C-alpha atoms as a PDB file:
ATOM      1  CA  MET A   1      -6.169 -18.426 -17.262  1.00  0.00           C
ATOM      2  CA  ALA A   2      -3.358 -15.974 -16.212  1.00  0.00           C
ATOM      3  CA  HIS A   3      -1.989 -16.475 -12.558  1.00  0.00           C
ATOM      4  CA  PRO A   4      -1.942 -12.868 -10.821  1.00  0.00           C
ATOM      5  CA  LEU A   5       1.239 -11.560 -10.863  1.00  0.00           C
ATOM      6  CA  LEU A   6       1.621 -10.491  -6.997  1.00  0.00           C
ATOM      7  CA  THR A   7      -0.457 -13.706  -5.045  1.00  0.00           C
ATOM      8  CA  ILE A   8      -0.909 -13.452  -0.827  1.00  0.00           C
ATOM      9  CA  ARG A   9      -2.520 -15.677   0.881  1.00  0.00           C
ATOM     10  CA  GLY A  10      -3.215 -15.816   4.712  1.00  0.00           C
ATOM     11  CA  LEU A  11       0.049 -13.325   5.684  1.00  0.00           C
ATOM     12  CA  ARG A  12       0.361 -12.631   9.099  1.00  0.00           C
ATOM     13  CA  VAL A  13       2.033 -10.692  10.889  1.00  0.00           C
ATOM     14  CA  GLY A  14       3.475 -10.874  14.808  1.00  0.00           C
ATOM     15  CA  VAL A  15       4.560  -8.377  17.392  1.00  0.00           C
ATOM     16  CA  GLY A  16       6.209  -9.356  20.556  1.00  0.00           C
ATOM     17  CA  ARG A  17       8.861 -11.808  22.021  1.00  0.00           C
ATOM     18  CA  GLY A  18       7.263 -15.078  23.414  1.00  0.00           C
ATOM     19  CA  VAL A  19       3.538 -15.673  22.300  1.00  0.00           C
ATOM     20  CA  PRO A  20       3.097 -12.710  19.704  1.00  0.00           C
ATOM     21  CA  VAL A  21       0.123 -10.604  19.271  1.00  0.00           C
ATOM     22  CA  GLU A  22      -0.931 -11.265  15.482  1.00  0.00           C
ATOM     23  CA  ILE A  23      -1.490  -7.171  14.079  1.00  0.00           C
ATOM     24  CA  VAL A  24      -1.905  -8.682  10.429  1.00  0.00           C
ATOM     25  CA  ARG A  25      -4.359 -11.268  10.398  1.00  0.00           C
ATOM     26  CA  GLY A  26      -4.551 -13.548   7.294  1.00  0.00           C
ATOM     27  CA  VAL A  27      -4.234 -10.875   4.435  1.00  0.00           C
ATOM     28  CA  ASP A  28      -5.242 -11.833   0.751  1.00  0.00           C
ATOM     29  CA  LEU A  29      -3.946  -9.963  -2.084  1.00  0.00           C
ATOM     30  CA  ASP A  30      -3.758 -10.336  -5.487  1.00  0.00           C
ATOM     31  CA  VAL A  31      -2.765  -8.160  -7.874  1.00  0.00           C
ATOM     32  CA  ASP A  32      -1.973  -8.906 -11.678  1.00  0.00           C
ATOM     33  CA  GLY A  33       0.236  -7.689 -13.830  1.00  0.00           C
ATOM     34  CA  GLY A  34      -0.167  -4.020 -15.248  1.00  0.00           C
ATOM     35  CA  GLU A  35      -2.915  -3.387 -12.073  1.00  0.00           C
ATOM     36  CA  LYS A  36      -3.576  -0.803 -10.664  1.00  0.00           C
ATOM     37  CA  VAL A  37      -4.712  -1.893  -6.917  1.00  0.00           C
ATOM     38  CA  GLY A  38      -5.646   0.220  -4.193  1.00  0.00           C
ATOM     39  CA  ILE A  39      -5.224  -1.031  -0.097  1.00  0.00           C
ATOM     40  CA  VAL A  40      -7.377   1.530   2.434  1.00  0.00           C
ATOM     41  CA  GLY A  41      -7.787   1.845   5.788  1.00  0.00           C
ATOM     42  CA  GLU A  42      -7.257   3.993   8.733  1.00  0.00           C
ATOM     43  CA  SER A  43      -3.979   4.308  10.306  1.00  0.00           C
ATOM     44  CA  GLY A  44      -3.170   0.497  12.453  1.00  0.00           C
ATOM     45  CA  SER A  45      -5.074  -1.535  10.030  1.00  0.00           C
ATOM     46  CA  GLY A  46      -1.932  -3.153   8.802  1.00  0.00           C
ATOM     47  CA  LYS A  47      -1.520  -1.761   5.570  1.00  0.00           C
ATOM     48  CA  THR A  48       2.087  -0.621   5.706  1.00  0.00           C
ATOM     49  CA  LEU A  49       3.343  -3.589   7.959  1.00  0.00           C
ATOM     50  CA  SER A  50       1.664  -6.238   5.092  1.00  0.00           C
ATOM     51  CA  MET A  51       3.529  -4.539   2.487  1.00  0.00           C
ATOM     52  CA  LEU A  52       6.795  -4.303   4.407  1.00  0.00           C
ATOM     53  CA  ALA A  53       6.377  -7.689   4.852  1.00  0.00           C
ATOM     54  CA  VAL A  54       5.892  -8.901   1.434  1.00  0.00           C
ATOM     55  CA  LEU A  55       8.813  -7.026   0.858  1.00  0.00           C
ATOM     56  CA  GLY A  56      10.774  -9.111   4.242  1.00  0.00           C
ATOM     57  CA  LEU A  57      11.588  -5.420   5.526  1.00  0.00           C
ATOM     58  CA  LEU A  58       9.646  -5.643   8.745  1.00  0.00           C
ATOM     59  CA  PRO A  59      11.951  -4.670  12.069  1.00  0.00           C
ATOM     60  CA  THR A  60      13.322  -7.730  13.716  1.00  0.00           C
ATOM     61  CA  PRO A  61      13.265  -9.363  16.174  1.00  0.00           C
ATOM     62  CA  ALA A  62      10.513  -7.183  17.072  1.00  0.00           C
ATOM     63  CA  LEU A  63       8.117  -8.083  14.039  1.00  0.00           C
ATOM     64  CA  ARG A  64       8.175 -11.352  12.145  1.00  0.00           C
ATOM     65  CA  VAL A  65       6.079 -12.927   9.860  1.00  0.00           C
ATOM     66  CA  LEU A  66       3.871 -15.839  11.063  1.00  0.00           C
ATOM     67  CA  GLY A  67       2.554 -17.583   8.524  1.00  0.00           C
ATOM     68  CA  GLY A  68       1.146 -16.898   4.944  1.00  0.00           C
ATOM     69  CA  SER A  69       2.551 -17.648   1.609  1.00  0.00           C
ATOM     70  CA  VAL A  70       3.845 -14.309  -0.832  1.00  0.00           C
ATOM     71  CA  ARG A  71       4.398 -15.420  -4.194  1.00  0.00           C
ATOM     72  CA  LEU A  72       5.905 -12.726  -6.978  1.00  0.00           C
ATOM     73  CA  GLY A  73       5.287 -14.506 -10.981  1.00  0.00           C
ATOM     74  CA  GLY A  74       5.554 -17.930  -8.737  1.00  0.00           C
ATOM     75  CA  VAL A  75       8.808 -17.310  -6.635  1.00  0.00           C
ATOM     76  CA  GLU A  76       7.321 -18.020  -3.041  1.00  0.00           C
ATOM     77  CA  LEU A  77       9.657 -14.860  -1.081  1.00  0.00           C
ATOM     78  CA  LEU A  78       8.629 -15.935   2.191  1.00  0.00           C
ATOM     79  CA  ASP A  79      11.301 -18.659   1.563  1.00  0.00           C
ATOM     80  CA  LEU A  80      13.970 -16.586   0.010  1.00  0.00           C
ATOM     81  CA  ASP A  81      17.077 -15.951   2.604  1.00  0.00           C
ATOM     82  CA  GLU A  82      18.312 -12.739   2.251  1.00  0.00           C
ATOM     83  CA  PRO A  83      20.609 -12.876  -0.104  1.00  0.00           C
ATOM     84  CA  HIS A  84      18.236 -14.244  -2.551  1.00  0.00           C
ATOM     85  CA  LEU A  85      15.635 -11.462  -1.432  1.00  0.00           C
ATOM     86  CA  ARG A  86      17.942  -8.686  -2.073  1.00  0.00           C
ATOM     87  CA  ARG A  87      18.267  -9.671  -5.918  1.00  0.00           C
ATOM     88  CA  VAL A  88      14.265  -9.433  -6.122  1.00  0.00           C
ATOM     89  CA  ARG A  89      13.593  -6.401  -3.921  1.00  0.00           C
ATOM     90  CA  GLY A  90      14.579  -3.365  -5.898  1.00  0.00           C
ATOM     91  CA  ALA A  91      14.661  -5.458  -9.083  1.00  0.00           C
ATOM     92  CA  ARG A  92      11.617  -6.869  -9.535  1.00  0.00           C
ATOM     93  CA  ILE A  93       9.305  -5.273  -6.541  1.00  0.00           C
ATOM     94  CA  ALA A  94      10.393  -1.996  -5.297  1.00  0.00           C
ATOM     95  CA  MET A  95       8.847   0.334  -2.905  1.00  0.00           C
ATOM     96  CA  ILE A  96       8.298   4.162  -2.282  1.00  0.00           C
ATOM     97  CA  TYR A  97       8.214   5.488   1.342  1.00  0.00           C
ATOM     98  CA  GLN A  98       6.319   7.605   3.005  1.00  0.00           C
ATOM     99  CA  ASP A  99       8.962   9.781   3.918  1.00  0.00           C
ATOM    100  CA  PRO A 100      11.784  10.620   1.420  1.00  0.00           C
ATOM    101  CA  MET A 101      13.984  12.407   4.189  1.00  0.00           C
ATOM    102  CA  SER A 102      14.480   9.523   6.338  1.00  0.00           C
ATOM    103  CA  SER A 103      14.393   6.885   4.037  1.00  0.00           C
ATOM    104  CA  LEU A 104      17.462   8.601   1.901  1.00  0.00           C
ATOM    105  CA  ASN A 105      21.222   8.443   3.283  1.00  0.00           C
ATOM    106  CA  PRO A 106      21.903  12.099   4.725  1.00  0.00           C
ATOM    107  CA  LEU A 107      25.340  11.628   4.153  1.00  0.00           C
ATOM    108  CA  LEU A 108      25.424  10.561   0.094  1.00  0.00           C
ATOM    109  CA  ARG A 109      24.629  12.059  -2.806  1.00  0.00           C
ATOM    110  CA  VAL A 110      21.489  11.173  -4.952  1.00  0.00           C
ATOM    111  CA  ARG A 111      24.087  10.365  -8.039  1.00  0.00           C
ATOM    112  CA  THR A 112      26.040   7.860  -5.476  1.00  0.00           C
ATOM    113  CA  GLN A 113      22.648   6.109  -3.887  1.00  0.00           C
ATOM    114  CA  ILE A 114      20.960   5.563  -7.070  1.00  0.00           C
ATOM    115  CA  VAL A 115      24.027   4.088  -8.738  1.00  0.00           C
ATOM    116  CA  GLU A 116      24.562   1.764  -5.966  1.00  0.00           C
ATOM    117  CA  THR A 117      21.241   0.675  -5.999  1.00  0.00           C
ATOM    118  CA  LEU A 118      21.606  -0.226  -9.846  1.00  0.00           C
ATOM    119  CA  VAL A 119      24.584  -2.421  -9.370  1.00  0.00           C
ATOM    120  CA  ALA A 120      23.600  -3.932  -6.403  1.00  0.00           C
ATOM    121  CA  HIS A 121      21.668  -5.537  -9.289  1.00  0.00           C
ATOM    122  CA  GLY A 122      24.201  -6.311 -11.478  1.00  0.00           C
ATOM    123  CA  VAL A 123      23.871  -3.051 -13.702  1.00  0.00           C
ATOM    124  CA  ASP A 124      27.569  -1.839 -14.627  1.00  0.00           C
ATOM    125  CA  ARG A 125      28.528   1.259 -13.064  1.00  0.00           C
ATOM    126  CA  ARG A 126      29.013   3.335 -16.403  1.00  0.00           C
ATOM    127  CA  ARG A 127      25.343   2.413 -17.412  1.00  0.00           C
ATOM    128  CA  ALA A 128      24.509   2.835 -13.414  1.00  0.00           C
ATOM    129  CA  ARG A 129      25.819   6.506 -13.897  1.00  0.00           C
ATOM    130  CA  GLU A 130      23.432   7.557 -17.126  1.00  0.00           C
ATOM    131  CA  ARG A 131      20.487   5.283 -16.194  1.00  0.00           C
ATOM    132  CA  THR A 132      20.590   7.656 -12.987  1.00  0.00           C
ATOM    133  CA  ARG A 133      20.386  10.638 -15.280  1.00  0.00           C
ATOM    134  CA  GLU A 134      17.531   9.015 -17.096  1.00  0.00           C
ATOM    135  CA  VAL A 135      15.447   8.329 -14.356  1.00  0.00           C
ATOM    136  CA  LEU A 136      15.968  11.626 -12.594  1.00  0.00           C
ATOM    137  CA  SER A 137      14.812  13.382 -16.396  1.00  0.00           C
ATOM    138  CA  GLN A 138      11.997  10.466 -16.245  1.00  0.00           C
ATOM    139  CA  VAL A 139      10.338  11.533 -13.258  1.00  0.00           C
ATOM    140  CA  GLY A 140      10.848  15.372 -14.307  1.00  0.00           C
ATOM    141  CA  LEU A 141      13.600  16.741 -12.179  1.00  0.00           C
ATOM    142  CA  ARG A 142      14.800  19.504 -15.153  1.00  0.00           C
ATOM    143  CA  ASP A 143      17.737  19.968 -13.967  1.00  0.00           C
ATOM    144  CA  ALA A 144      18.836  16.309 -13.128  1.00  0.00           C
ATOM    145  CA  ALA A 145      22.425  17.254 -13.874  1.00  0.00           C
ATOM    146  CA  ARG A 146      22.461  19.556 -10.295  1.00  0.00           C
ATOM    147  CA  VAL A 147      19.856  17.205  -8.750  1.00  0.00           C
ATOM    148  CA  GLU A 148      22.357  13.901  -8.841  1.00  0.00           C
ATOM    149  CA  GLY A 149      24.691  15.915  -7.166  1.00  0.00           C
ATOM    150  CA  ALA A 150      22.955  17.333  -4.589  1.00  0.00           C
ATOM    151  CA  PHE A 151      23.030  15.862  -1.107  1.00  0.00           C
ATOM    152  CA  PRO A 152      19.442  14.926   0.125  1.00  0.00           C
ATOM    153  CA  HIS A 153      19.338  17.871   2.320  1.00  0.00           C
ATOM    154  CA  GLU A 154      19.440  20.467  -0.566  1.00  0.00           C
ATOM    155  CA  LEU A 155      16.477  19.537  -2.394  1.00  0.00           C
ATOM    156  CA  SER A 156      12.948  20.245  -1.242  1.00  0.00           C
ATOM    157  CA  GLY A 157      10.708  17.979   0.089  1.00  0.00           C
ATOM    158  CA  GLY A 158       8.605  17.126  -4.069  1.00  0.00           C
ATOM    159  CA  MET A 159      11.703  17.045  -5.736  1.00  0.00           C
ATOM    160  CA  LEU A 160      12.955  14.543  -2.506  1.00  0.00           C
ATOM    161  CA  GLN A 161       9.851  12.800  -3.683  1.00  0.00           C
ATOM    162  CA  ARG A 162      10.461  12.437  -7.071  1.00  0.00           C
ATOM    163  CA  VAL A 163      13.923  11.075  -6.610  1.00  0.00           C
ATOM    164  CA  MET A 164      12.829   8.258  -4.394  1.00  0.00           C
ATOM    165  CA  ILE A 165      10.211   7.534  -7.613  1.00  0.00           C
ATOM    166  CA  ALA A 166      13.200   7.549  -9.700  1.00  0.00           C
ATOM    167  CA  MET A 167      15.107   5.023  -7.685  1.00  0.00           C
ATOM    168  CA  ALA A 168      12.084   2.877  -7.201  1.00  0.00           C
ATOM    169  CA  LEU A 169      12.164   3.005 -11.186  1.00  0.00           C
ATOM    170  CA  SER A 170      15.710   2.691 -12.307  1.00  0.00           C
ATOM    171  CA  THR A 171      15.338  -0.773 -12.163  1.00  0.00           C
ATOM    172  CA  GLN A 172      12.423  -1.588 -14.525  1.00  0.00           C
ATOM    173  CA  PRO A 173      10.072  -3.381 -11.381  1.00  0.00           C
ATOM    174  CA  GLU A 174       7.175  -5.426 -12.294  1.00  0.00           C
ATOM    175  CA  VAL A 175       5.572  -4.189  -9.547  1.00  0.00           C
ATOM    176  CA  LEU A 176       5.833  -0.725  -7.101  1.00  0.00           C
ATOM    177  CA  ILE A 177       4.570  -0.052  -3.835  1.00  0.00           C
ATOM    178  CA  ALA A 178       3.349   3.214  -2.820  1.00  0.00           C
ATOM    179  CA  ASP A 179       3.302   3.331   0.907  1.00  0.00           C
ATOM    180  CA  GLU A 180       1.106   6.692   1.210  1.00  0.00           C
ATOM    181  CA  PRO A 181       4.017   8.604  -1.236  1.00  0.00           C
ATOM    182  CA  THR A 182       2.374  12.525  -0.887  1.00  0.00           C
ATOM    183  CA  THR A 183       1.660  13.051   3.044  1.00  0.00           C
ATOM    184  CA  ALA A 184       4.250  14.725   3.973  1.00  0.00           C
ATOM    185  CA  LEU A 185       3.892  17.604   0.997  1.00  0.00           C
ATOM    186  CA  ASP A 186       1.574  20.147  -0.031  1.00  0.00           C
ATOM    187  CA  VAL A 187      -1.279  19.623  -1.783  1.00  0.00           C
ATOM    188  CA  THR A 188       0.226  21.361  -5.172  1.00  0.00           C
ATOM    189  CA  VAL A 189       3.189  18.518  -4.876  1.00  0.00           C
ATOM    190  CA  GLN A 190       0.604  15.860  -3.941  1.00  0.00           C
ATOM    191  CA  GLU A 191      -1.124  16.525  -7.259  1.00  0.00           C
ATOM    192  CA  GLN A 192       2.105  16.415  -9.267  1.00  0.00           C
ATOM    193  CA  ILE A 193       3.313  13.307  -7.598  1.00  0.00           C
ATOM    194  CA  LEU A 194       0.035  11.301  -8.003  1.00  0.00           C
ATOM    195  CA  SER A 195      -0.004  12.772 -11.822  1.00  0.00           C
ATOM    196  CA  LEU A 196       3.613  11.315 -12.264  1.00  0.00           C
ATOM    197  CA  VAL A 197       3.140   8.073 -11.278  1.00  0.00           C
ATOM    198  CA  GLY A 198       0.086   7.489 -12.943  1.00  0.00           C
ATOM    199  CA  GLU A 199       1.697   8.324 -16.051  1.00  0.00           C
ATOM    200  CA  LEU A 200       5.017   6.141 -15.609  1.00  0.00           C
ATOM    201  CA  GLN A 201       2.846   3.497 -15.090  1.00  0.00           C
ATOM    202  CA  ALA A 202       0.792   3.803 -17.901  1.00  0.00           C
ATOM    203  CA  GLN A 203       4.185   3.907 -20.051  1.00  0.00           C
ATOM    204  CA  ASN A 204       5.903   1.138 -18.416  1.00  0.00           C
ATOM    205  CA  ARG A 205       3.105  -1.581 -17.653  1.00  0.00           C
ATOM    206  CA  MET A 206       3.908  -2.432 -14.500  1.00  0.00           C
ATOM    207  CA  ALA A 207       1.884  -3.020 -11.640  1.00  0.00           C
ATOM    208  CA  VAL A 208       1.273  -0.398  -9.165  1.00  0.00           C
ATOM    209  CA  VAL A 209       0.016  -0.832  -5.271  1.00  0.00           C
ATOM    210  CA  TRP A 210      -1.251   1.983  -3.329  1.00  0.00           C
ATOM    211  CA  VAL A 211      -1.190   1.934   0.425  1.00  0.00           C
ATOM    212  CA  THR A 212      -3.361   4.663   1.558  1.00  0.00           C
ATOM    213  CA  HIS A 213      -5.917   6.310   3.766  1.00  0.00           C
ATOM    214  CA  ASP A 214      -7.198   8.980   1.018  1.00  0.00           C
ATOM    215  CA  LEU A 215     -10.043   7.410  -0.705  1.00  0.00           C
ATOM    216  CA  GLY A 216      -9.828  10.373  -3.180  1.00  0.00           C
ATOM    217  CA  VAL A 217      -6.908   9.117  -5.031  1.00  0.00           C
ATOM    218  CA  VAL A 218      -8.176   5.841  -4.753  1.00  0.00           C
ATOM    219  CA  ALA A 219     -11.360   7.254  -6.900  1.00  0.00           C
ATOM    220  CA  ARG A 220      -8.961   8.890  -9.368  1.00  0.00           C
ATOM    221  CA  LEU A 221      -6.166   5.778  -9.486  1.00  0.00           C
ATOM    222  CA  VAL A 222      -7.062   2.315  -9.440  1.00  0.00           C
ATOM    223  CA  ASP A 223      -8.941  -0.755 -10.752  1.00  0.00           C
ATOM    224  CA  ARG A 224      -9.428  -2.508  -7.688  1.00  0.00           C
ATOM    225  CA  VAL A 225      -9.550  -1.470  -3.997  1.00  0.00           C
ATOM    226  CA  ALA A 226      -8.818  -3.902  -1.125  1.00  0.00           C
ATOM    227  CA  VAL A 227     -10.413  -2.156   2.159  1.00  0.00           C
ATOM    228  CA  MET A 228      -8.177  -3.279   5.470  1.00  0.00           C
ATOM    229  CA  TYR A 229      -9.432  -3.146   9.393  1.00  0.00           C
ATOM    230  CA  ALA A 230      -7.865  -4.877  12.099  1.00  0.00           C
ATOM    231  CA  GLY A 231      -5.198  -6.514  10.736  1.00  0.00           C
ATOM    232  CA  ARG A 232      -7.517  -7.930   7.735  1.00  0.00           C
ATOM    233  CA  VAL A 233      -9.110  -7.674   4.583  1.00  0.00           C
ATOM    234  CA  VAL A 234     -12.843  -6.827   5.280  1.00  0.00           C
ATOM    235  CA  GLU A 235     -13.432  -5.860   1.644  1.00  0.00           C
ATOM    236  CA  HIS A 236     -12.507  -5.518  -1.888  1.00  0.00           C
ATOM    237  CA  ALA A 237     -14.302  -5.010  -5.057  1.00  0.00           C
ATOM    238  CA  SER A 238     -13.879  -2.802  -8.436  1.00  0.00           C
ATOM    239  CA  THR A 239     -13.068   0.693  -7.229  1.00  0.00           C
ATOM    240  CA  PRO A 240     -16.876   1.350  -9.597  1.00  0.00           C
ATOM    241  CA  ASP A 241     -18.671  -1.074  -7.744  1.00  0.00           C
ATOM    242  CA  LEU A 242     -16.749  -0.086  -3.735  1.00  0.00           C
ATOM    243  CA  PHE A 243     -18.377   3.641  -4.527  1.00  0.00           C
ATOM    244  CA  ALA A 244     -21.338   2.778  -5.821  1.00  0.00           C
ATOM    245  CA  ARG A 245     -22.269   0.505  -3.244  1.00  0.00           C
ATOM    246  CA  PRO A 246     -19.984  -0.537   0.051  1.00  0.00           C
ATOM    247  CA  GLN A 247     -20.816  -4.047   1.050  1.00  0.00           C
ATOM    248  CA  HIS A 248     -19.084  -3.561   4.547  1.00  0.00           C
ATOM    249  CA  PRO A 249     -20.066  -1.130   7.226  1.00  0.00           C
ATOM    250  CA  TYR A 250     -16.787   0.070   7.511  1.00  0.00           C
ATOM    251  CA  THR A 251     -16.380   0.435   4.054  1.00  0.00           C
ATOM    252  CA  ALA A 252     -19.501   2.709   4.421  1.00  0.00           C
ATOM    253  CA  ALA A 253     -18.535   4.476   6.513  1.00  0.00           C
ATOM    254  CA  LEU A 254     -15.515   5.282   5.638  1.00  0.00           C
ATOM    255  CA  LEU A 255     -17.103   6.596   2.164  1.00  0.00           C
ATOM    256  CA  ALA A 256     -19.861   8.296   4.138  1.00  0.00           C
ATOM    257  CA  SER A 257     -17.190  10.506   6.020  1.00  0.00           C
ATOM    258  CA  LEU A 258     -15.952  12.263   2.307  1.00  0.00           C
ATOM    259  CA  PRO A 259     -16.745  16.170   1.531  1.00  0.00           C
ATOM    260  CA  ARG A 260     -19.719  15.885  -1.251  1.00  0.00           C
ATOM    261  CA  PRO A 261     -19.949  18.218  -4.472  1.00  0.00           C
ATOM    262  CA  GLY A 262     -22.651  20.029  -2.321  1.00  0.00           C
ATOM    263  CA  THR A 263     -21.101  20.366   1.756  1.00  0.00           C
ATOM    264  CA  ALA A 264     -21.382  23.801   2.950  1.00  0.00           C
ATOM    265  CA  HIS A 265     -17.596  25.415   3.993  1.00  0.00           C
ATOM    266  CA  ARG A 266     -16.565  24.106   7.254  1.00  0.00           C
ATOM    267  CA  ALA A 267     -19.770  21.811   7.627  1.00  0.00           C
ATOM    268  CA  THR A 268     -18.820  19.118  10.415  1.00  0.00           C
ATOM    269  CA  LEU A 269     -18.217  15.733   8.369  1.00  0.00           C
ATOM    270  CA  ARG A 270     -19.534  12.900   9.861  1.00  0.00           C
ATOM    271  CA  GLN A 271     -17.034  10.619  11.920  1.00  0.00           C
ATOM    272  CA  ILE A 272     -16.834   6.716  12.539  1.00  0.00           C
ATOM    273  CA  PRO A 273     -17.927   6.646  16.007  1.00  0.00           C
ATOM    274  CA  GLY A 274     -14.823   4.654  18.832  1.00  0.00           C
ATOM    275  CA  SER A 275     -11.678   3.966  18.250  1.00  0.00           C
ATOM    276  CA  PRO A 276     -10.370   0.965  15.978  1.00  0.00           C
ATOM    277  CA  PRO A 277      -9.581  -2.316  18.533  1.00  0.00           C
ATOM    278  CA  ASP A 278      -6.891  -2.942  20.184  1.00  0.00           C
ATOM    279  CA  PRO A 279      -4.751  -6.448  18.350  1.00  0.00           C
ATOM    280  CA  ALA A 280      -3.927  -7.670  21.593  1.00  0.00           C
ATOM    281  CA  ARG A 281      -7.752  -7.571  22.773  1.00  0.00           C
ATOM    282  CA  LEU A 282     -10.076  -9.006  19.619  1.00  0.00           C
ATOM    283  CA  GLY A 283     -12.726 -10.905  20.716  1.00  0.00           C
ATOM    284  CA  SER A 284     -14.360 -13.839  18.995  1.00  0.00           C
ATOM    285  CA  GLY A 285     -16.882 -12.030  16.594  1.00  0.00           C
ATOM    286  CA  CYS A 286     -16.677  -9.465  14.233  1.00  0.00           C
ATOM    287  CA  PRO A 287     -13.782  -6.743  15.268  1.00  0.00           C
ATOM    288  CA  TYR A 288     -15.896  -3.764  13.951  1.00  0.00           C
ATOM    289  CA  LEU A 289     -18.844  -4.724  16.070  1.00  0.00           C
ATOM    290  CA  PRO A 290     -18.471  -1.915  18.133  1.00  0.00           C
ATOM    291  CA  ARG A 291     -18.585   0.704  15.995  1.00  0.00           C
ATOM    292  CA  CYS A 292     -21.000  -1.168  13.875  1.00  0.00           C
ATOM    293  CA  PRO A 293     -24.651   0.276  13.116  1.00  0.00           C
ATOM    294  CA  GLN A 294     -25.586  -3.145  11.466  1.00  0.00           C
ATOM    295  CA  GLY A 295     -24.240  -5.743  14.337  1.00  0.00           C
ATOM    296  CA  ASP A 296     -26.349  -7.991  16.100  1.00  0.00           C
ATOM    297  CA  GLN A 297     -26.450 -11.488  18.162  1.00  0.00           C
ATOM    298  CA  GLU A 298     -24.781 -12.761  15.206  1.00  0.00           C
ATOM    299  CA  CYS A 299     -21.901 -10.979  14.782  1.00  0.00           C
ATOM    300  CA  ARG A 300     -21.001 -11.226  18.824  1.00  0.00           C
ATOM    301  CA  VAL A 301     -20.354 -15.221  18.032  1.00  0.00           C
ATOM    302  CA  ALA A 302     -18.030 -15.300  15.846  1.00  0.00           C
ATOM    303  CA  GLU A 303     -15.726 -13.342  12.881  1.00  0.00           C
ATOM    304  CA  PRO A 304     -16.773 -13.680   9.746  1.00  0.00           C
ATOM    305  CA  ASP A 305     -14.631 -14.857   6.440  1.00  0.00           C
ATOM    306  CA  LEU A 306     -14.689 -12.302   2.967  1.00  0.00           C
ATOM    307  CA  LEU A 307     -18.050 -13.820   1.784  1.00  0.00           C
ATOM    308  CA  ASP A 308     -18.717 -13.622  -1.456  1.00  0.00           C
ATOM    309  CA  ARG A 309     -21.133 -10.806  -3.015  1.00  0.00           C
ATOM    310  CA  GLY A 310     -20.984 -10.868  -6.626  1.00  0.00           C
ATOM    311  CA  PRO A 311     -18.310 -11.244  -9.498  1.00  0.00           C
ATOM    312  CA  GLY A 312     -15.439 -10.587  -8.583  1.00  0.00           C
ATOM    313  CA  ARG A 313     -15.769  -8.444  -5.051  1.00  0.00           C
ATOM    314  CA  ALA A 314     -16.347  -9.890  -1.510  1.00  0.00           C
ATOM    315  CA  SER A 315     -16.864  -8.706   2.331  1.00  0.00           C
ATOM    316  CA  ALA A 316     -16.473  -9.696   5.716  1.00  0.00           C
ATOM    317  CA  CYS A 317     -19.622  -9.293   7.300  1.00  0.00           C
ATOM    318  CA  TRP A 318     -22.503 -11.534   7.903  1.00  0.00           C
ATOM    319  CA  LYS A 319     -25.209  -8.967   6.629  1.00  0.00           C
ATOM    320  CA  PRO A 320     -25.512  -8.525   3.191  1.00  0.00           C
ATOM    321  CA  ARG A 321     -26.230  -4.859   1.809  1.00  0.00           C
ATOM    322  CA  ASP A 322     -30.194  -5.628   1.680  1.00  0.00           C
ATOM    323  CA  ARG A 323     -30.341  -6.313   5.266  1.00  0.00           C
ATOM    324  CA  TRP A 324     -28.527  -3.659   6.546  1.00  0.00           C
ATOM    325  CA  GLN A 325     -30.844  -0.960   8.514  1.00  0.00           C
ATOM    326  CA  GLY A 326     -31.140   2.496   7.573  1.00  0.00           C
END
């Protein structure tokens, strides 16, 4: 049986000097070559921090990896020093960020930024200039010559996001992490960007990890979903299984908050009561208990590990779905 391309085991991230507060608390995730995986959860659940830790891009010293393993094709990334990590980051695994305007250097032309990325990974400068034009055209920028000579402030939000995608794809990575890549864009441009990444994934057969709070994106674009809450994965399953029969009350609540085809215009949508927990004040029980309609005394005693709920799926809940009330 083939090993996953990307394997994350027990990843822990802490914040603060001295005794750190754990805000990513033992994340496990596998991503196969060519697979599309979604990571969903509310803001603050640890989605983005987990992926930044994978890439070695946590802002230090405030945030740091406390433990765990991240292996890409058998190479332990957490053991690499910065020079060796740079050879992997951007070449074998790349990331598209939420806000392209803050991710691109405003003082450098687009061409310069993509060319320098390629040169840093060993591409001849002349070939790097050719490749820059190729990838800008590949992501649907019709006037690639004008775009590559532009400064970031001269381009629209949708064009900037396409530039970021082009930069990420320029090195032909095996894994692409897309961190809420359409958050700052209008609905029409969002649709274009989502379709574009889906088409490029199919063409290049790269693995894509979608980090999002949008379950609509998940339903359309990924094969498998990991749901995060309070710094942990609390459920993982194939996309059809997750939407048909969620096995964690938090997942069920997320799905219940979505508008349905028959939802009336301006109708009040269901909300999850309460707020996510403070990572510094987690007790011994399940972090979701104060918001959970299924909680009982067992949930106060200990936090459950991911428990098997059938082929290819697991949830961190003491109660199987058939024991839920209501």
